[in-house]
Structure formats: structure tokens, C-alpha cells
PDB file of N, CA and C in Angstrom:
ATOM      1  N   MET A   1      24.674 -13.227   7.532  1.00  0.00           N
ATOM      2  CA  MET A   1      23.858 -13.579   8.745  1.00  0.00           C
ATOM      3  C   MET A   1      22.440 -14.317   8.933  1.00  0.00           C
ATOM      4  N   GLU A   2      22.226 -15.432   9.010  1.00  0.00           N
ATOM      5  CA  GLU A   2      21.661 -16.360   9.127  1.00  0.00           C
ATOM      6  C   GLU A   2      20.558 -16.299  10.369  1.00  0.00           C
ATOM      7  N   SER A   3      19.331 -16.185  10.829  1.00  0.00           N
ATOM      8  CA  SER A   3      18.385 -16.181  11.513  1.00  0.00           C
ATOM      9  C   SER A   3      16.920 -16.896  11.467  1.00  0.00           C
ATOM     10  N   GLN A   4      16.465 -17.390  12.691  1.00  0.00           N
ATOM     11  CA  GLN A   4      14.945 -18.211  12.617  1.00  0.00           C
ATOM     12  C   GLN A   4      14.710 -17.911  13.689  1.00  0.00           C
ATOM     13  N   THR A   5      13.094 -17.024  13.008  1.00  0.00           N
ATOM     14  CA  THR A   5      11.457 -16.619  13.652  1.00  0.00           C
ATOM     15  C   THR A   5      10.716 -17.198  13.182  1.00  0.00           C
ATOM     16  N   MET A   6      10.100 -17.409  14.334  1.00  0.00           N
ATOM     17  CA  MET A   6       9.221 -18.527  14.179  1.00  0.00           C
ATOM     18  C   MET A   6       7.687 -17.263  14.137  1.00  0.00           C
ATOM     19  N   LEU A   7       7.343 -17.166  12.809  1.00  0.00           N
ATOM     20  CA  LEU A   7       5.956 -16.097  12.799  1.00  0.00           C
ATOM     21  C   LEU A   7       4.733 -16.769  12.535  1.00  0.00           C
ATOM     22  N   ARG A   8       3.504 -16.528  12.906  1.00  0.00           N
ATOM     23  CA  ARG A   8       2.300 -16.703  13.206  1.00  0.00           C
ATOM     24  C   ARG A   8       1.575 -16.028  12.363  1.00  0.00           C
ATOM     25  N   VAL A   9       0.725 -16.805  11.845  1.00  0.00           N
ATOM     26  CA  VAL A   9      -0.422 -16.008  10.568  1.00  0.00           C
ATOM     27  C   VAL A   9      -1.507 -15.515  11.798  1.00  0.00           C
ATOM     28  N   ASP A  10      -2.136 -14.336  11.267  1.00  0.00           N
ATOM     29  CA  ASP A  10      -3.254 -13.632  11.642  1.00  0.00           C
ATOM     30  C   ASP A  10      -4.075 -14.019  11.038  1.00  0.00           C
ATOM     31  N   SER A  11      -5.104 -13.521  11.377  1.00  0.00           N
ATOM     32  CA  SER A  11      -6.956 -14.183  11.195  1.00  0.00           C
ATOM     33  C   SER A  11      -7.084 -14.404   9.656  1.00  0.00           C
ATOM     34  N   LYS A  12      -6.693 -13.428   9.342  1.00  0.00           N
ATOM     35  CA  LYS A  12      -6.432 -13.547   7.952  1.00  0.00           C
ATOM     36  C   LYS A  12      -5.286 -14.167   6.807  1.00  0.00           C
ATOM     37  N   GLY A  13      -5.207 -14.874   7.961  1.00  0.00           N
ATOM     38  CA  GLY A  13      -3.745 -15.940   6.885  1.00  0.00           C
ATOM     39  C   GLY A  13      -2.553 -14.716   6.737  1.00  0.00           C
ATOM     40  N   ARG A  14      -2.362 -13.815   7.289  1.00  0.00           N
ATOM     41  CA  ARG A  14      -1.112 -12.842   7.040  1.00  0.00           C
ATOM     42  C   ARG A  14       0.072 -12.922   7.694  1.00  0.00           C
ATOM     43  N   ILE A  15       1.149 -12.404   7.397  1.00  0.00           N
ATOM     44  CA  ILE A  15       2.612 -12.675   8.195  1.00  0.00           C
ATOM     45  C   ILE A  15       2.830 -11.327   8.000  1.00  0.00           C
ATOM     46  N   CYS A  16       3.759 -10.784   9.046  1.00  0.00           N
ATOM     47  CA  CYS A  16       4.207  -9.529   9.312  1.00  0.00           C
ATOM     48  C   CYS A  16       5.914  -9.474   9.368  1.00  0.00           C
ATOM     49  N   VAL A  17       6.107  -9.537   7.839  1.00  0.00           N
ATOM     50  CA  VAL A  17       8.294  -9.478   7.775  1.00  0.00           C
ATOM     51  C   VAL A  17       8.557  -7.985   8.377  1.00  0.00           C
ATOM     52  N   SER A  18       7.783  -7.035   8.448  1.00  0.00           N
ATOM     53  CA  SER A  18       8.471  -5.593   8.625  1.00  0.00           C
ATOM     54  C   SER A  18       9.746  -5.431   9.706  1.00  0.00           C
ATOM     55  N   LYS A  19       9.231  -6.368  10.794  1.00  0.00           N
ATOM     56  CA  LYS A  19      10.025  -5.841  11.827  1.00  0.00           C
ATOM     57  C   LYS A  19      11.805  -7.335  11.666  1.00  0.00           C
ATOM     58  N   LEU A  20      12.087  -7.923   9.536  1.00  0.00           N
ATOM     59  CA  LEU A  20      12.515  -8.702  10.406  1.00  0.00           C
ATOM     60  C   LEU A  20      13.870  -7.889   9.144  1.00  0.00           C
ATOM     61  N   VAL A  21      13.293  -6.824   8.803  1.00  0.00           N
ATOM     62  CA  VAL A  21      13.565  -6.749   7.483  1.00  0.00           C
ATOM     63  C   VAL A  21      14.818  -4.819   7.644  1.00  0.00           C
ATOM     64  N   ASP A  22      15.563  -4.715   7.101  1.00  0.00           N
ATOM     65  CA  ASP A  22      15.628  -3.190   6.408  1.00  0.00           C
ATOM     66  C   ASP A  22      14.684  -2.669   5.975  1.00  0.00           C
ATOM     67  N   PRO A  23      14.825  -1.368   6.237  1.00  0.00           N
ATOM     68  CA  PRO A  23      13.422  -0.493   6.391  1.00  0.00           C
ATOM     69  C   PRO A  23      13.294   0.323   4.722  1.00  0.00           C
ATOM     70  N   SER A  24      14.477  -0.292   4.324  1.00  0.00           N
ATOM     71  CA  SER A  24      14.390   0.545   2.734  1.00  0.00           C
ATOM     72  C   SER A  24      14.171  -0.862   1.771  1.00  0.00           C
ATOM     73  N   VAL A  25      13.864  -1.542   2.341  1.00  0.00           N
ATOM     74  CA  VAL A  25      13.136  -2.590   1.409  1.00  0.00           C
ATOM     75  C   VAL A  25      11.873  -2.640   1.487  1.00  0.00           C
ATOM     76  N   SER A  26      12.046  -2.134  -0.399  1.00  0.00           N
ATOM     77  CA  SER A  26      10.274  -1.794  -0.983  1.00  0.00           C
ATOM     78  C   SER A  26       9.283  -3.345  -1.072  1.00  0.00           C
ATOM     79  N   SER A  27      10.305  -4.105  -1.655  1.00  0.00           N
ATOM     80  CA  SER A  27       9.098  -6.191  -2.505  1.00  0.00           C
ATOM     81  C   SER A  27      10.086  -6.796  -2.038  1.00  0.00           C
ATOM     82  N   PHE A  28       9.007  -7.903  -1.975  1.00  0.00           N
ATOM     83  CA  PHE A  28       9.881  -8.948  -1.853  1.00  0.00           C
ATOM     84  C   PHE A  28       9.783 -10.221  -3.494  1.00  0.00           C
ATOM     85  N   ARG A  29      10.580 -10.482  -3.464  1.00  0.00           N
ATOM     86  CA  ARG A  29      10.643 -11.529  -4.574  1.00  0.00           C
ATOM     87  C   ARG A  29      10.329 -13.068  -3.892  1.00  0.00           C
ATOM     88  N   GLU A  30       9.608 -13.769  -4.213  1.00  0.00           N
ATOM     89  CA  GLU A  30       8.997 -15.524  -3.342  1.00  0.00           C
ATOM     90  C   GLU A  30       9.311 -15.947  -4.593  1.00  0.00           C
ATOM     91  N   PHE A  31       9.709 -17.125  -3.768  1.00  0.00           N
ATOM     92  CA  PHE A  31      10.221 -18.851  -4.829  1.00  0.00           C
ATOM     93  C   PHE A  31       9.526 -19.963  -3.386  1.00  0.00           C
ATOM     94  N   ILE A  32       9.059 -20.515  -3.838  1.00  0.00           N
ATOM     95  CA  ILE A  32       8.775 -21.723  -2.912  1.00  0.00           C
ATOM     96  C   ILE A  32       9.812 -23.063  -3.733  1.00  0.00           C
ATOM     97  N   ASP A  33      10.047 -23.965  -2.930  1.00  0.00           N
ATOM     98  CA  ASP A  33      11.445 -24.783  -3.837  1.00  0.00           C
ATOM     99  C   ASP A  33      10.761 -25.970  -3.156  1.00  0.00           C
ATOM    100  N   THR A  34      10.675 -27.361  -4.000  1.00  0.00           N
ATOM    101  CA  THR A  34      10.228 -28.607  -4.254  1.00  0.00           C
ATOM    102  C   THR A  34       9.890 -29.004  -2.552  1.00  0.00           C
ATOM    103  N   ASN A  35      10.647 -28.430  -1.622  1.00  0.00           N
ATOM    104  CA  ASN A  35      10.011 -28.732  -0.341  1.00  0.00           C
ATOM    105  C   ASN A  35       8.593 -27.825   0.618  1.00  0.00           C
ATOM    106  N   HIS A  36       8.446 -27.158  -0.682  1.00  0.00           N
ATOM    107  CA  HIS A  36       7.476 -26.209  -0.378  1.00  0.00           C
ATOM    108  C   HIS A  36       7.671 -25.227   0.640  1.00  0.00           C
ATOM    109  N   ARG A  37       8.852 -24.485   0.436  1.00  0.00           N
ATOM    110  CA  ARG A  37       9.520 -24.036   1.462  1.00  0.00           C
ATOM    111  C   ARG A  37       9.418 -22.315   0.890  1.00  0.00           C
ATOM    112  N   ILE A  38       8.900 -21.428   1.294  1.00  0.00           N
ATOM    113  CA  ILE A  38       8.538 -20.182   1.017  1.00  0.00           C
ATOM    114  C   ILE A  38      10.193 -19.212   1.258  1.00  0.00           C
ATOM    115  N   ILE A  39      10.710 -19.055   0.411  1.00  0.00           N
ATOM    116  CA  ILE A  39      11.947 -18.112   0.397  1.00  0.00           C
ATOM    117  C   ILE A  39      11.149 -16.874   0.092  1.00  0.00           C
ATOM    118  N   LEU A  40      11.431 -15.878   0.230  1.00  0.00           N
ATOM    119  CA  LEU A  40      11.320 -14.389   0.572  1.00  0.00           C
ATOM    120  C   LEU A  40      12.817 -13.680   0.498  1.00  0.00           C
ATOM    121  N   GLU A  41      12.720 -12.701  -1.156  1.00  0.00           N
ATOM    122  CA  GLU A  41      14.548 -12.585  -1.355  1.00  0.00           C
ATOM    123  C   GLU A  41      13.328 -10.657  -1.446  1.00  0.00           C
ATOM    124  N   PRO A  42      14.598 -10.221  -0.548  1.00  0.00           N
ATOM    125  CA  PRO A  42      13.986  -8.427  -0.510  1.00  0.00           C
ATOM    126  C   PRO A  42      14.242  -7.697  -2.145  1.00  0.00           C
ATOM    127  N   TYR A  43      14.027  -6.752  -2.227  1.00  0.00           N
ATOM    128  CA  TYR A  43      14.006  -5.701  -3.214  1.00  0.00           C
ATOM    129  C   TYR A  43      14.263  -4.618  -2.685  1.00  0.00           C
ATOM    130  N   VAL A  44      14.958  -3.316  -3.215  1.00  0.00           N
ATOM    131  CA  VAL A  44      14.881  -2.323  -3.240  1.00  0.00           C
ATOM    132  C   VAL A  44      14.400  -1.288  -4.783  1.00  0.00           C
ATOM    133  N   GLU A  45      13.919  -0.427  -4.198  1.00  0.00           N
ATOM    134  CA  GLU A  45      13.347   0.417  -5.822  1.00  0.00           C
ATOM    135  C   GLU A  45      14.175   1.247  -5.910  1.00  0.00           C
ATOM    136  N   ILE A  46      14.345   2.077  -7.110  1.00  0.00           N
ATOM    137  CA  ILE A  46      14.943   3.339  -7.101  1.00  0.00           C
ATOM    138  C   ILE A  46      14.328   3.798  -7.666  1.00  0.00           C
ATOM    139  N   PRO A  47      14.932   5.118  -7.782  1.00  0.00           N
ATOM    140  CA  PRO A  47      13.851   6.193  -8.421  1.00  0.00           C
ATOM    141  C   PRO A  47      13.934   5.690 -10.106  1.00  0.00           C
ATOM    142  N   PHE A  48      13.385   6.118 -11.191  1.00  0.00           N
ATOM    143  CA  PHE A  48      13.300   5.922 -12.193  1.00  0.00           C
ATOM    144  C   PHE A  48      14.618   6.708 -13.212  1.00  0.00           C
ATOM    145  N   ARG A  49      14.316   7.903 -12.634  1.00  0.00           N
ATOM    146  CA  ARG A  49      15.663   8.752 -13.206  1.00  0.00           C
ATOM    147  C   ARG A  49      17.228   7.979 -12.893  1.00  0.00           C
ATOM    148  N   GLU A  50      17.246   7.636 -11.719  1.00  0.00           N
ATOM    149  CA  GLU A  50      18.700   6.848 -11.493  1.00  0.00           C
ATOM    150  C   GLU A  50      18.959   5.372 -12.119  1.00  0.00           C
ATOM    151  N   GLN A  51      17.748   4.802 -12.955  1.00  0.00           N
ATOM    152  CA  GLN A  51      17.421   3.559 -13.836  1.00  0.00           C
ATOM    153  C   GLN A  51      18.540   3.435 -14.633  1.00  0.00           C
ATOM    154  N   GLY A  52      18.736   4.544 -15.923  1.00  0.00           N
ATOM    155  CA  GLY A  52      20.008   4.679 -17.055  1.00  0.00           C
ATOM    156  C   GLY A  52      21.622   4.581 -15.786  1.00  0.00           C
ATOM    157  N   LEU A  53      21.829   4.781 -14.628  1.00  0.00           N
ATOM    158  CA  LEU A  53      22.929   4.723 -13.871  1.00  0.00           C
ATOM    159  C   LEU A  53      23.244   3.455 -13.963  1.00  0.00           C
ATOM    160  N   TYR A  54      22.239   2.642 -13.498  1.00  0.00           N
ATOM    161  CA  TYR A  54      22.458   1.220 -12.750  1.00  0.00           C
ATOM    162  C   TYR A  54      22.251   0.316 -14.492  1.00  0.00           C
ATOM    163  N   GLU A  55      22.010   0.274 -15.532  1.00  0.00           N
ATOM    164  CA  GLU A  55      21.907   0.333 -16.822  1.00  0.00           C
ATOM    165  C   GLU A  55      23.239   0.506 -17.199  1.00  0.00           C
ATOM    166  N   ASN A  56      23.838   1.475 -16.733  1.00  0.00           N
ATOM    167  CA  ASN A  56      25.258   1.395 -17.584  1.00  0.00           C
ATOM    168  C   ASN A  56      26.555   1.162 -17.025  1.00  0.00           C
ATOM    169  N   PRO A  57      27.197   0.248 -17.330  1.00  0.00           N
ATOM    170  CA  PRO A  57      28.293  -0.437 -16.152  1.00  0.00           C
ATOM    171  C   PRO A  57      29.400   0.608 -15.775  1.00  0.00           C
ATOM    172  N   ASP A  58      30.107   1.288 -16.971  1.00  0.00           N
ATOM    173  CA  ASP A  58      30.778   2.424 -17.278  1.00  0.00           C
ATOM    174  C   ASP A  58      30.642   3.563 -15.912  1.00  0.00           C
ATOM    175  N   ALA A  59      28.795   4.314 -16.868  1.00  0.00           N
ATOM    176  CA  ALA A  59      28.752   5.411 -15.470  1.00  0.00           C
ATOM    177  C   ALA A  59      28.751   4.531 -13.957  1.00  0.00           C
ATOM    178  N   LEU A  60      28.428   3.630 -13.453  1.00  0.00           N
ATOM    179  CA  LEU A  60      28.213   3.157 -12.311  1.00  0.00           C
ATOM    180  C   LEU A  60      29.736   3.024 -11.658  1.00  0.00           C
ATOM    181  N   ASP A  61      30.627   2.594 -12.235  1.00  0.00           N
ATOM    182  CA  ASP A  61      32.099   2.358 -12.199  1.00  0.00           C
ATOM    183  C   ASP A  61      32.603   3.754 -11.402  1.00  0.00           C
ATOM    184  N   LEU A  62      32.389   4.795 -12.510  1.00  0.00           N
ATOM    185  CA  LEU A  62      32.945   6.079 -12.041  1.00  0.00           C
ATOM    186  C   LEU A  62      32.206   6.852 -10.871  1.00  0.00           C
ATOM    187  N   VAL A  63      30.987   6.395 -10.717  1.00  0.00           N
ATOM    188  CA  VAL A  63      30.331   7.008  -9.537  1.00  0.00           C
ATOM    189  C   VAL A  63      30.914   6.090  -8.782  1.00  0.00           C
ATOM    190  N   ARG A  64      31.325   4.971  -8.308  1.00  0.00           N
ATOM    191  CA  ARG A  64      31.706   4.094  -7.345  1.00  0.00           C
ATOM    192  C   ARG A  64      32.966   4.619  -7.118  1.00  0.00           C
ATOM    193  N   ARG A  65      34.040   4.790  -7.885  1.00  0.00           N
ATOM    194  CA  ARG A  65      35.088   5.271  -7.602  1.00  0.00           C
ATOM    195  C   ARG A  65      34.972   6.796  -7.311  1.00  0.00           C
ATOM    196  N   GLY A  66      34.222   7.719  -7.989  1.00  0.00           N
ATOM    197  CA  GLY A  66      34.712   8.723  -7.163  1.00  0.00           C
ATOM    198  C   GLY A  66      33.912   8.928  -5.509  1.00  0.00           C
ATOM    199  N   ILE A  67      33.004   7.728  -5.164  1.00  0.00           N
ATOM    200  CA  ILE A  67      32.776   7.721  -4.039  1.00  0.00           C
ATOM    201  C   ILE A  67      33.798   7.101  -2.920  1.00  0.00           C
ATOM    202  N   GLU A  68      34.436   6.553  -3.737  1.00  0.00           N
ATOM    203  CA  GLU A  68      36.094   5.737  -2.303  1.00  0.00           C
ATOM    204  C   GLU A  68      36.583   7.271  -2.544  1.00  0.00           C
ATOM    205  N   GLU A  69      37.078   7.719  -3.914  1.00  0.00           N
ATOM    206  CA  GLU A  69      38.389   8.351  -3.441  1.00  0.00           C
ATOM    207  C   GLU A  69      37.632  10.144  -2.862  1.00  0.00           C
ATOM    208  N   SER A  70      36.632  10.187  -2.743  1.00  0.00           N
ATOM    209  CA  SER A  70      35.744  10.847  -2.052  1.00  0.00           C
ATOM    210  C   SER A  70      36.137  10.410  -0.452  1.00  0.00           C
ATOM    211  N   ALA A  71      35.961   9.536   0.204  1.00  0.00           N
ATOM    212  CA  ALA A  71      36.127   8.663   1.155  1.00  0.00           C
ATOM    213  C   ALA A  71      37.146   9.250   1.585  1.00  0.00           C
ATOM    214  N   GLN A  72      38.661   8.919   1.261  1.00  0.00           N
ATOM    215  CA  GLN A  72      40.090   8.934   0.899  1.00  0.00           C
ATOM    216  C   GLN A  72      40.281  10.594   1.094  1.00  0.00           C
ATOM    217  N   GLY A  73      39.213  11.642   0.862  1.00  0.00           N
ATOM    218  CA  GLY A  73      39.786  12.704   1.249  1.00  0.00           C
ATOM    219  C   GLY A  73      40.417  13.386  -0.135  1.00  0.00           C
ATOM    220  N   LYS A  74      40.198  12.696  -1.623  1.00  0.00           N
ATOM    221  CA  LYS A  74      40.987  13.263  -2.739  1.00  0.00           C
ATOM    222  C   LYS A  74      39.174  13.886  -3.079  1.00  0.00           C
ATOM    223  N   LEU A  75      39.845  15.285  -2.434  1.00  0.00           N
ATOM    224  CA  LEU A  75      38.837  16.472  -3.077  1.00  0.00           C
ATOM    225  C   LEU A  75      39.212  17.096  -4.023  1.00  0.00           C
ATOM    226  N   GLU A  76      38.230  17.964  -5.200  1.00  0.00           N
ATOM    227  CA  GLU A  76      39.025  19.053  -5.932  1.00  0.00           C
ATOM    228  C   GLU A  76      37.655  20.116  -6.229  1.00  0.00           C
ATOM    229  N   SER A  77      37.653  20.871  -5.278  1.00  0.00           N
ATOM    230  CA  SER A  77      36.461  21.741  -5.556  1.00  0.00           C
ATOM    231  C   SER A  77      36.286  21.974  -7.497  1.00  0.00           C
ATOM    232  N   ARG A  78      35.122  21.979  -7.854  1.00  0.00           N
ATOM    233  CA  ARG A  78      35.151  22.355  -9.485  1.00  0.00           C
ATOM    234  C   ARG A  78      34.092  23.509  -9.599  1.00  0.00           C
ATOM    235  N   GLY A  79      34.110  24.177  -8.444  1.00  0.00           N
ATOM    236  CA  GLY A  79      33.107  25.390  -8.399  1.00  0.00           C
ATOM    237  C   GLY A  79      31.223  25.073  -8.195  1.00  0.00           C
ATOM    238  N   SER A  80      30.211  26.194  -8.104  1.00  0.00           N
ATOM    239  CA  SER A  80      28.833  25.484  -8.042  1.00  0.00           C
ATOM    240  C   SER A  80      28.572  25.186  -9.253  1.00  0.00           C
ATOM    241  N   PHE A  81      27.494  23.704  -9.230  1.00  0.00           N
ATOM    242  CA  PHE A  81      26.510  23.398 -10.312  1.00  0.00           C
ATOM    243  C   PHE A  81      25.138  23.686 -10.644  1.00  0.00           C
ATOM    244  N   GLN A  82      25.094  24.502  -9.667  1.00  0.00           N
ATOM    245  CA  GLN A  82      24.123  25.329  -9.421  1.00  0.00           C
ATOM    246  C   GLN A  82      23.288  25.527 -10.700  1.00  0.00           C
ATOM    247  N   GLN A  83      23.846  26.139 -11.709  1.00  0.00           N
ATOM    248  CA  GLN A  83      23.056  26.534 -13.220  1.00  0.00           C
ATOM    249  C   GLN A  83      22.855  25.240 -13.703  1.00  0.00           C
ATOM    250  N   TYR A  84      23.214  23.949 -13.761  1.00  0.00           N
ATOM    251  CA  TYR A  84      22.730  22.629 -13.978  1.00  0.00           C
ATOM    252  C   TYR A  84      21.733  21.945 -13.607  1.00  0.00           C
ATOM    253  N   ASP A  85      21.072  22.518 -12.411  1.00  0.00           N
ATOM    254  CA  ASP A  85      20.124  22.453 -11.448  1.00  0.00           C
ATOM    255  C   ASP A  85      18.968  22.489 -12.251  1.00  0.00           C
ATOM    256  N   GLN A  86      18.173  20.947 -12.685  1.00  0.00           N
ATOM    257  CA  GLN A  86      16.458  21.131 -13.277  1.00  0.00           C
ATOM    258  C   GLN A  86      15.941  20.420 -12.601  1.00  0.00           C
ATOM    259  N   ASN A  87      16.021  20.843 -11.269  1.00  0.00           N
ATOM    260  CA  ASN A  87      14.831  20.738 -10.316  1.00  0.00           C
ATOM    261  C   ASN A  87      14.101  22.239 -10.320  1.00  0.00           C
TER     262      ASN A  87
END
């Protein structure tokens, strides 16, 4: 989806983009191209404890497959996992 919006700077030279992006966006990476256009790439931060999952493609694939199977109703109860809760 592409859109265009005219943004005006305030008295301190700032623009507000929060109304243009998903609320889960926590930061932006900026690029300035050869035509002096500013491009903002939205980023979403993840909790440190979940970083290992995203660094392990096999584990991430298993989680994604589990989510798919759950959405398809392929559920199998394994009982309570409360004994493993570390919080």
C-alpha cells in the first residue's frame, strides 16, 4: 500500500509520523537517497529473551508450523507446563 501525506514541520523543525504507522513500530531506520529524499523504514523491537528464537531458523520454523497447525485445529493436549514456568 502506498500513500502520500503532506507533513509540516513544527517550530522546532520536527514532524510527527505516529499517525501514519502501526502502533507496534518502535523506531525507524532512515535513508537519504541521491535526490535528497528521506525514506523511513519502520522497525519493531523484540524482547531480548525472544532474540534467540529469531536467530535460530529451525526453531522459528517449528514455532510458525505450530501456530499454523493450531489455527487449523490440530491440537493435542500435553497437560500443564506450569512446573516449567520461570517467572
